[in-house]
């Protein structure tokens, strides 16, 4: 599985931990930056990561900033992206099972490395349940088709 990953300066340390984990567990990683601690703007990095997931270059994505809020908002502006901002494994499990989320957002100032890795593993190893949930995803897609021209 190929994973897009991106962060701003507020998520750099957590991104490095996530990248190490992903490599160790056999995932292919496409890193969209930042790789420097100087102040930068999260949309500049979240956007290309989200585009890579939306166009199929990457299977899933992870975006990180100080709170996880900014990167999740930016990623969700891309048609076809369902980016979930998760702080616990229960949410990560059910955003995959029920929402077929294809991106995950974290806040480095909100969550520790150990919990982040548990959430990431849950997100990457849980499939989409389909069934009754598919019609809800279809409704989300219809909303995108209405407003994303």
N, C-alpha and C. Protein backbone atom coordinates (compact mmCIF):
# COMPACT_ATOMS: atom_id res chain seq x y z
N UNK A 1 0.85 -1.18 0.00
CA UNK A 1 0.00 0.00 0.00
C UNK A 1 0.89 1.24 0.00
N UNK A 2 0.54 2.21 -0.83
CA UNK A 2 1.30 3.44 -0.95
C UNK A 2 0.59 4.55 -0.16
N UNK A 3 1.34 5.20 0.72
CA UNK A 3 0.79 6.19 1.64
C UNK A 3 1.39 7.57 1.36
N UNK A 4 0.52 8.54 1.11
CA UNK A 4 0.93 9.94 1.00
C UNK A 4 1.01 10.51 2.41
N UNK A 5 2.03 11.30 2.67
CA UNK A 5 2.15 11.91 4.00
C UNK A 5 2.65 13.34 3.84
N UNK A 6 2.13 14.22 4.69
CA UNK A 6 2.50 15.62 4.63
C UNK A 6 2.28 16.27 5.99
N UNK A 7 3.00 17.35 6.22
CA UNK A 7 2.83 18.10 7.46
C UNK A 7 3.31 19.54 7.26
N UNK A 8 2.99 20.37 8.24
CA UNK A 8 3.62 21.68 8.32
C UNK A 8 4.65 21.61 9.44
N UNK A 9 5.22 22.73 9.80
CA UNK A 9 6.25 22.76 10.85
C UNK A 9 5.73 22.23 12.19
N UNK A 10 4.43 22.41 12.45
CA UNK A 10 3.84 21.96 13.70
C UNK A 10 3.63 20.47 13.80
N UNK A 11 3.84 19.74 12.72
CA UNK A 11 3.65 18.29 12.71
C UNK A 11 4.87 17.51 12.30
N UNK A 12 6.01 18.19 12.17
CA UNK A 12 7.20 17.56 11.61
C UNK A 12 7.70 16.37 12.43
N UNK A 13 7.76 16.49 13.74
CA UNK A 13 8.27 15.38 14.56
C UNK A 13 7.37 14.15 14.46
N UNK A 14 6.06 14.38 14.51
CA UNK A 14 5.12 13.26 14.41
C UNK A 14 5.18 12.63 13.03
N UNK A 15 5.36 13.45 12.00
CA UNK A 15 5.47 12.90 10.64
C UNK A 15 6.69 11.99 10.54
N UNK A 16 7.81 12.43 11.10
CA UNK A 16 9.02 11.59 11.05
C UNK A 16 8.80 10.24 11.73
N UNK A 17 8.10 10.25 12.84
CA UNK A 17 7.77 9.00 13.54
C UNK A 17 6.87 8.13 12.67
N UNK A 18 5.87 8.74 12.06
CA UNK A 18 4.95 7.99 11.19
C UNK A 18 5.68 7.40 9.98
N UNK A 19 6.56 8.17 9.37
CA UNK A 19 7.31 7.69 8.21
C UNK A 19 8.17 6.49 8.60
N UNK A 20 8.85 6.57 9.73
CA UNK A 20 9.67 5.44 10.19
C UNK A 20 8.80 4.19 10.40
N UNK A 21 7.66 4.37 11.03
CA UNK A 21 6.73 3.26 11.26
C UNK A 21 6.28 2.65 9.93
N UNK A 22 5.88 3.50 9.01
CA UNK A 22 5.37 3.02 7.72
C UNK A 22 6.44 2.24 6.97
N UNK A 23 7.65 2.76 6.93
CA UNK A 23 8.75 2.05 6.25
C UNK A 23 9.01 0.70 6.93
N UNK A 24 9.05 0.70 8.24
CA UNK A 24 9.32 -0.52 9.01
C UNK A 24 8.26 -1.59 8.75
N UNK A 25 7.03 -1.16 8.50
CA UNK A 25 5.92 -2.10 8.31
C UNK A 25 5.61 -2.37 6.83
N UNK A 26 6.53 -2.01 5.95
CA UNK A 26 6.43 -2.39 4.55
C UNK A 26 5.57 -1.52 3.66
N UNK A 27 5.18 -0.36 4.15
CA UNK A 27 4.40 0.56 3.32
C UNK A 27 5.34 1.40 2.46
N UNK A 28 4.90 1.71 1.27
CA UNK A 28 5.61 2.65 0.42
C UNK A 28 5.12 4.05 0.81
N UNK A 29 6.04 4.98 1.00
CA UNK A 29 5.69 6.31 1.46
C UNK A 29 6.07 7.35 0.42
N UNK A 30 5.13 8.25 0.15
CA UNK A 30 5.40 9.41 -0.69
C UNK A 30 5.28 10.62 0.23
N UNK A 31 6.41 11.28 0.48
CA UNK A 31 6.49 12.38 1.45
C UNK A 31 6.37 13.72 0.72
N UNK A 32 5.31 14.45 1.02
CA UNK A 32 5.06 15.74 0.40
C UNK A 32 5.56 16.91 1.24
N UNK A 33 6.37 16.63 2.26
CA UNK A 33 6.96 17.69 3.08
C UNK A 33 6.02 18.11 4.19
N UNK A 34 6.42 19.09 4.85
CA UNK A 34 7.66 19.80 4.92
C UNK A 34 8.71 18.92 5.59
N UNK A 35 9.93 19.26 5.37
CA UNK A 35 11.02 18.56 6.03
C UNK A 35 11.90 19.52 6.80
N UNK A 36 11.38 20.70 7.07
CA UNK A 36 12.11 21.72 7.81
C UNK A 36 11.23 22.26 8.93
N UNK A 37 11.86 22.71 10.01
CA UNK A 37 11.12 23.18 11.18
C UNK A 37 10.69 24.64 11.08
N UNK A 38 11.10 25.34 10.03
CA UNK A 38 10.73 26.75 9.91
C UNK A 38 9.24 26.87 9.57
N UNK A 39 8.64 27.97 10.00
CA UNK A 39 7.22 28.20 9.80
C UNK A 39 6.83 28.10 8.33
N UNK A 40 5.72 27.40 8.08
CA UNK A 40 5.22 27.22 6.72
C UNK A 40 3.70 27.07 6.77
N UNK A 41 3.09 27.00 5.63
CA UNK A 41 1.63 26.97 5.54
C UNK A 41 1.14 25.57 5.18
N UNK A 42 0.32 24.99 6.07
CA UNK A 42 -0.13 23.61 5.91
C UNK A 42 -0.87 23.33 4.60
N UNK A 43 -1.64 24.27 4.01
CA UNK A 43 -2.30 23.91 2.75
C UNK A 43 -1.30 23.58 1.63
N UNK A 44 -0.11 24.17 1.69
CA UNK A 44 0.90 23.92 0.65
C UNK A 44 1.36 22.46 0.64
N UNK A 45 1.19 21.76 1.74
CA UNK A 45 1.63 20.37 1.85
C UNK A 45 0.46 19.39 1.87
N UNK A 46 -0.63 19.79 2.52
CA UNK A 46 -1.80 18.91 2.57
C UNK A 46 -2.44 18.74 1.19
N UNK A 47 -2.46 19.80 0.40
CA UNK A 47 -3.09 19.74 -0.92
C UNK A 47 -2.45 18.69 -1.83
N UNK A 48 -1.13 18.72 -2.06
CA UNK A 48 -0.58 17.70 -2.96
C UNK A 48 -0.72 16.27 -2.42
N UNK A 49 -0.70 16.10 -1.11
CA UNK A 49 -0.91 14.77 -0.54
C UNK A 49 -2.34 14.30 -0.83
N UNK A 50 -3.30 15.19 -0.63
CA UNK A 50 -4.71 14.85 -0.89
C UNK A 50 -4.94 14.58 -2.38
N UNK A 51 -4.32 15.38 -3.24
CA UNK A 51 -4.45 15.16 -4.68
C UNK A 51 -3.91 13.79 -5.07
N UNK A 52 -2.80 13.38 -4.45
CA UNK A 52 -2.22 12.07 -4.77
C UNK A 52 -3.15 10.93 -4.38
N UNK A 53 -3.87 11.09 -3.28
CA UNK A 53 -4.84 10.07 -2.88
C UNK A 53 -6.05 10.12 -3.82
N UNK A 54 -6.54 11.32 -4.09
CA UNK A 54 -7.73 11.47 -4.94
C UNK A 54 -7.50 10.94 -6.35
N UNK A 55 -6.29 11.13 -6.90
CA UNK A 55 -6.06 10.68 -8.27
C UNK A 55 -5.55 9.23 -8.35
N UNK A 56 -5.40 8.58 -7.20
CA UNK A 56 -5.02 7.18 -7.18
C UNK A 56 -3.53 6.90 -7.18
N UNK A 57 -2.70 7.95 -7.17
CA UNK A 57 -1.26 7.75 -7.08
C UNK A 57 -0.90 7.07 -5.76
N UNK A 58 -1.61 7.45 -4.71
CA UNK A 58 -1.43 6.84 -3.39
C UNK A 58 -2.76 6.25 -2.94
N UNK A 59 -2.68 5.20 -2.13
CA UNK A 59 -3.88 4.51 -1.67
C UNK A 59 -4.56 5.23 -0.50
N UNK A 60 -3.77 5.74 0.40
CA UNK A 60 -4.28 6.47 1.57
C UNK A 60 -3.30 7.59 1.89
N UNK A 61 -3.74 8.47 2.80
CA UNK A 61 -2.89 9.60 3.15
C UNK A 61 -2.97 9.94 4.62
N UNK A 62 -1.91 10.60 5.08
CA UNK A 62 -1.81 11.07 6.46
C UNK A 62 -1.30 12.51 6.40
N UNK A 63 -2.01 13.40 7.11
CA UNK A 63 -1.60 14.80 7.17
C UNK A 63 -1.53 15.23 8.63
N UNK A 64 -0.54 16.05 8.95
CA UNK A 64 -0.28 16.41 10.35
C UNK A 64 0.05 17.90 10.45
N UNK A 65 -0.57 18.55 11.42
CA UNK A 65 -0.19 19.92 11.78
C UNK A 65 -0.24 20.01 13.29
N UNK A 66 -0.25 21.20 13.84
CA UNK A 66 -0.27 21.36 15.29
C UNK A 66 -1.50 20.74 15.94
N UNK A 67 -2.67 21.01 15.36
CA UNK A 67 -3.92 20.48 15.93
C UNK A 67 -4.53 19.37 15.08
N UNK A 68 -4.18 19.29 13.82
CA UNK A 68 -4.80 18.35 12.89
C UNK A 68 -6.01 18.95 12.20
N UNK A 69 -6.47 20.07 12.68
CA UNK A 69 -7.69 20.68 12.13
C UNK A 69 -7.42 21.32 10.77
N UNK A 70 -6.40 22.15 10.69
CA UNK A 70 -6.11 22.84 9.44
C UNK A 70 -5.84 21.90 8.28
N UNK A 71 -5.01 20.89 8.52
CA UNK A 71 -4.70 19.95 7.43
C UNK A 71 -5.92 19.14 7.02
N UNK A 72 -6.79 18.81 7.97
CA UNK A 72 -7.98 18.04 7.61
C UNK A 72 -8.94 18.90 6.79
N UNK A 73 -9.07 20.17 7.15
CA UNK A 73 -9.92 21.06 6.36
C UNK A 73 -9.37 21.19 4.95
N UNK A 74 -8.06 21.43 4.83
CA UNK A 74 -7.44 21.58 3.51
C UNK A 74 -7.60 20.32 2.67
N UNK A 75 -7.32 19.16 3.25
CA UNK A 75 -7.42 17.90 2.51
C UNK A 75 -8.85 17.65 2.05
N UNK A 76 -9.82 17.98 2.88
CA UNK A 76 -11.22 17.74 2.54
C UNK A 76 -11.77 18.68 1.47
N UNK A 77 -10.99 19.64 1.03
CA UNK A 77 -11.39 20.50 -0.08
C UNK A 77 -11.16 19.82 -1.42
N UNK A 78 -10.46 18.71 -1.42
CA UNK A 78 -10.17 17.98 -2.65
C UNK A 78 -11.28 16.96 -2.89
N UNK A 79 -11.87 17.01 -4.07
CA UNK A 79 -12.94 16.09 -4.43
C UNK A 79 -12.46 14.65 -4.30
N UNK A 80 -13.25 13.84 -3.62
CA UNK A 80 -12.90 12.43 -3.45
C UNK A 80 -12.18 12.12 -2.16
N UNK A 81 -11.83 13.15 -1.41
CA UNK A 81 -11.12 12.92 -0.15
C UNK A 81 -12.11 12.91 0.99
N UNK A 82 -11.93 11.91 1.85
CA UNK A 82 -12.66 11.81 3.10
C UNK A 82 -11.60 11.68 4.20
N UNK A 83 -11.18 12.85 4.69
CA UNK A 83 -10.11 12.92 5.68
C UNK A 83 -10.71 13.00 7.07
N UNK A 84 -10.36 12.07 7.91
CA UNK A 84 -10.86 12.02 9.29
C UNK A 84 -9.78 12.48 10.26
N UNK A 85 -10.16 13.34 11.15
CA UNK A 85 -9.29 13.84 12.21
C UNK A 85 -9.54 12.99 13.44
N UNK A 86 -8.61 12.10 13.77
CA UNK A 86 -8.84 11.11 14.83
C UNK A 86 -7.85 11.27 15.99
N UNK A 87 -8.40 11.07 17.20
CA UNK A 87 -7.57 11.09 18.41
C UNK A 87 -7.63 9.77 19.16
N UNK A 88 -8.33 8.78 18.60
CA UNK A 88 -8.48 7.51 19.29
C UNK A 88 -8.66 6.38 18.26
N UNK A 89 -8.39 5.16 18.68
CA UNK A 89 -8.47 4.02 17.77
C UNK A 89 -9.90 3.69 17.39
N UNK A 90 -10.86 3.93 18.28
CA UNK A 90 -12.27 3.66 17.96
C UNK A 90 -12.71 4.48 16.76
N UNK A 91 -12.40 5.77 16.78
CA UNK A 91 -12.75 6.65 15.66
C UNK A 91 -12.04 6.22 14.38
N UNK A 92 -10.77 5.85 14.50
CA UNK A 92 -10.02 5.41 13.32
C UNK A 92 -10.62 4.14 12.72
N UNK A 93 -11.03 3.23 13.57
CA UNK A 93 -11.65 1.99 13.10
C UNK A 93 -12.96 2.28 12.37
N UNK A 94 -13.80 3.08 12.99
CA UNK A 94 -15.12 3.30 12.41
C UNK A 94 -15.14 4.29 11.26
N UNK A 95 -14.13 5.14 11.16
CA UNK A 95 -14.08 6.01 9.98
C UNK A 95 -13.70 5.20 8.75
N UNK A 96 -13.00 4.11 8.95
CA UNK A 96 -12.72 3.19 7.83
C UNK A 96 -13.94 2.29 7.55
N UNK A 97 -14.47 1.67 8.60
CA UNK A 97 -15.59 0.74 8.42
C UNK A 97 -16.81 1.42 7.82
N UNK A 98 -17.16 2.59 8.32
CA UNK A 98 -18.42 3.23 7.95
C UNK A 98 -18.29 4.37 6.95
N UNK A 99 -17.17 5.09 6.98
CA UNK A 99 -17.01 6.27 6.12
C UNK A 99 -16.06 6.05 4.97
N UNK A 100 -15.38 4.91 4.94
CA UNK A 100 -14.36 4.64 3.92
C UNK A 100 -13.38 5.81 3.80
N UNK A 101 -13.00 6.38 4.95
CA UNK A 101 -12.05 7.50 4.95
C UNK A 101 -10.76 7.06 4.27
N UNK A 102 -10.23 7.94 3.45
CA UNK A 102 -8.99 7.62 2.73
C UNK A 102 -7.80 8.45 3.20
N UNK A 103 -8.06 9.38 4.13
CA UNK A 103 -6.96 10.15 4.73
C UNK A 103 -7.22 10.30 6.22
N UNK A 104 -6.14 10.47 6.94
CA UNK A 104 -6.17 10.58 8.39
C UNK A 104 -5.40 11.83 8.78
N UNK A 105 -5.95 12.61 9.71
CA UNK A 105 -5.28 13.82 10.18
C UNK A 105 -4.96 13.70 11.66
N UNK A 106 -3.78 14.21 12.02
CA UNK A 106 -3.32 14.24 13.41
C UNK A 106 -2.88 15.63 13.79
N UNK A 107 -2.96 15.90 15.09
CA UNK A 107 -2.40 17.12 15.65
C UNK A 107 -1.25 16.78 16.58
N UNK A 108 -0.04 17.21 16.23
CA UNK A 108 1.14 16.89 17.02
C UNK A 108 1.07 17.48 18.43
N UNK A 109 0.39 18.61 18.59
CA UNK A 109 0.28 19.24 19.90
C UNK A 109 -0.86 18.63 20.73
N UNK A 110 -1.56 17.67 20.13
CA UNK A 110 -2.74 17.09 20.76
C UNK A 110 -2.52 15.63 21.16
N UNK A 111 -1.69 14.92 20.43
CA UNK A 111 -1.57 13.47 20.59
C UNK A 111 -0.11 13.06 20.69
N UNK A 112 0.16 12.03 21.46
CA UNK A 112 1.52 11.52 21.59
C UNK A 112 1.85 10.50 20.51
N UNK A 113 3.13 10.19 20.40
CA UNK A 113 3.61 9.27 19.37
C UNK A 113 3.02 7.88 19.50
N UNK A 114 2.98 7.34 20.70
CA UNK A 114 2.49 5.97 20.89
C UNK A 114 1.04 5.80 20.45
N UNK A 115 0.19 6.71 20.89
CA UNK A 115 -1.22 6.65 20.50
C UNK A 115 -1.38 6.91 19.01
N UNK A 116 -0.61 7.84 18.48
CA UNK A 116 -0.68 8.11 17.04
C UNK A 116 -0.37 6.85 16.24
N UNK A 117 0.62 6.10 16.65
CA UNK A 117 0.98 4.88 15.92
C UNK A 117 -0.12 3.82 16.02
N UNK A 118 -0.78 3.71 17.17
CA UNK A 118 -1.89 2.78 17.31
C UNK A 118 -3.05 3.18 16.40
N UNK A 119 -3.34 4.47 16.35
CA UNK A 119 -4.41 4.97 15.49
C UNK A 119 -4.07 4.73 14.03
N UNK A 120 -2.84 5.02 13.66
CA UNK A 120 -2.38 4.83 12.28
C UNK A 120 -2.51 3.37 11.88
N UNK A 121 -2.05 2.46 12.73
CA UNK A 121 -2.15 1.03 12.43
C UNK A 121 -3.61 0.61 12.25
N UNK A 122 -4.48 1.07 13.13
CA UNK A 122 -5.90 0.74 13.03
C UNK A 122 -6.47 1.24 11.72
N UNK A 123 -6.15 2.48 11.37
CA UNK A 123 -6.65 3.09 10.14
C UNK A 123 -6.19 2.31 8.91
N UNK A 124 -4.94 1.90 8.89
CA UNK A 124 -4.38 1.23 7.71
C UNK A 124 -4.79 -0.24 7.59
N UNK A 125 -5.19 -0.86 8.67
CA UNK A 125 -5.51 -2.29 8.63
C UNK A 125 -7.00 -2.58 8.67
N UNK A 126 -7.82 -1.55 8.73
CA UNK A 126 -9.27 -1.74 8.76
C UNK A 126 -9.84 -1.47 7.37
N UNK A 127 -10.69 -2.37 6.91
CA UNK A 127 -11.33 -2.21 5.61
C UNK A 127 -12.67 -1.49 5.71
N UNK A 128 -13.24 -1.21 4.57
CA UNK A 128 -14.56 -0.58 4.48
C UNK A 128 -15.61 -1.66 4.54
N UNK A 129 -16.59 -1.49 5.40
CA UNK A 129 -17.64 -2.48 5.60
C UNK A 129 -18.62 -2.55 4.42
N UNK A 130 -18.82 -1.44 3.74
CA UNK A 130 -19.75 -1.42 2.61
C UNK A 130 -21.18 -1.55 3.07
N UNK A 131 -21.97 -2.29 2.31
CA UNK A 131 -23.37 -2.50 2.67
C UNK A 131 -24.13 -1.19 2.80
N UNK A 132 -24.84 -1.03 3.91
CA UNK A 132 -25.66 0.16 4.12
C UNK A 132 -24.84 1.44 4.15
N UNK A 133 -23.56 1.31 4.42
CA UNK A 133 -22.70 2.49 4.49
C UNK A 133 -22.36 3.03 3.10
N UNK A 134 -22.40 2.18 2.09
CA UNK A 134 -22.08 2.62 0.73
C UNK A 134 -23.05 3.70 0.26
N UNK A 135 -24.32 3.56 0.57
CA UNK A 135 -25.28 4.57 0.11
C UNK A 135 -24.98 5.93 0.74
N UNK A 136 -24.41 5.94 1.93
CA UNK A 136 -24.04 7.20 2.59
C UNK A 136 -22.83 7.81 1.91
N UNK A 137 -21.89 6.97 1.52
CA UNK A 137 -20.72 7.46 0.77
C UNK A 137 -21.19 8.00 -0.57
N UNK A 138 -22.14 7.33 -1.19
CA UNK A 138 -22.69 7.81 -2.46
C UNK A 138 -23.35 9.18 -2.29
N UNK A 139 -24.00 9.41 -1.16
CA UNK A 139 -24.61 10.71 -0.90
C UNK A 139 -23.54 11.79 -0.71
N UNK A 140 -22.44 11.44 -0.07
CA UNK A 140 -21.33 12.38 0.06
C UNK A 140 -20.78 12.72 -1.32
N UNK A 141 -20.63 11.71 -2.16
CA UNK A 141 -20.15 11.92 -3.53
C UNK A 141 -21.11 12.82 -4.30
N UNK A 142 -22.41 12.66 -4.10
CA UNK A 142 -23.39 13.51 -4.76
C UNK A 142 -23.25 14.95 -4.30
N UNK A 143 -22.97 15.17 -3.04
CA UNK A 143 -22.73 16.53 -2.54
C UNK A 143 -21.50 17.14 -3.22
N UNK A 144 -20.43 16.33 -3.31
CA UNK A 144 -19.22 16.80 -4.00
C UNK A 144 -19.53 17.15 -5.45
N UNK A 145 -20.26 16.30 -6.12
CA UNK A 145 -20.58 16.56 -7.53
C UNK A 145 -21.42 17.81 -7.70
N UNK A 146 -22.24 18.13 -6.72
CA UNK A 146 -23.04 19.34 -6.79
C UNK A 146 -22.21 20.60 -6.59
N UNK A 147 -21.26 20.57 -5.67
CA UNK A 147 -20.54 21.78 -5.29
C UNK A 147 -19.12 21.88 -5.86
N UNK A 148 -18.53 20.78 -6.28
CA UNK A 148 -17.19 20.80 -6.86
C UNK A 148 -17.33 20.79 -8.38
N UNK A 149 -17.30 21.94 -8.97
CA UNK A 149 -17.47 22.06 -10.43
C UNK A 149 -16.13 22.12 -11.11
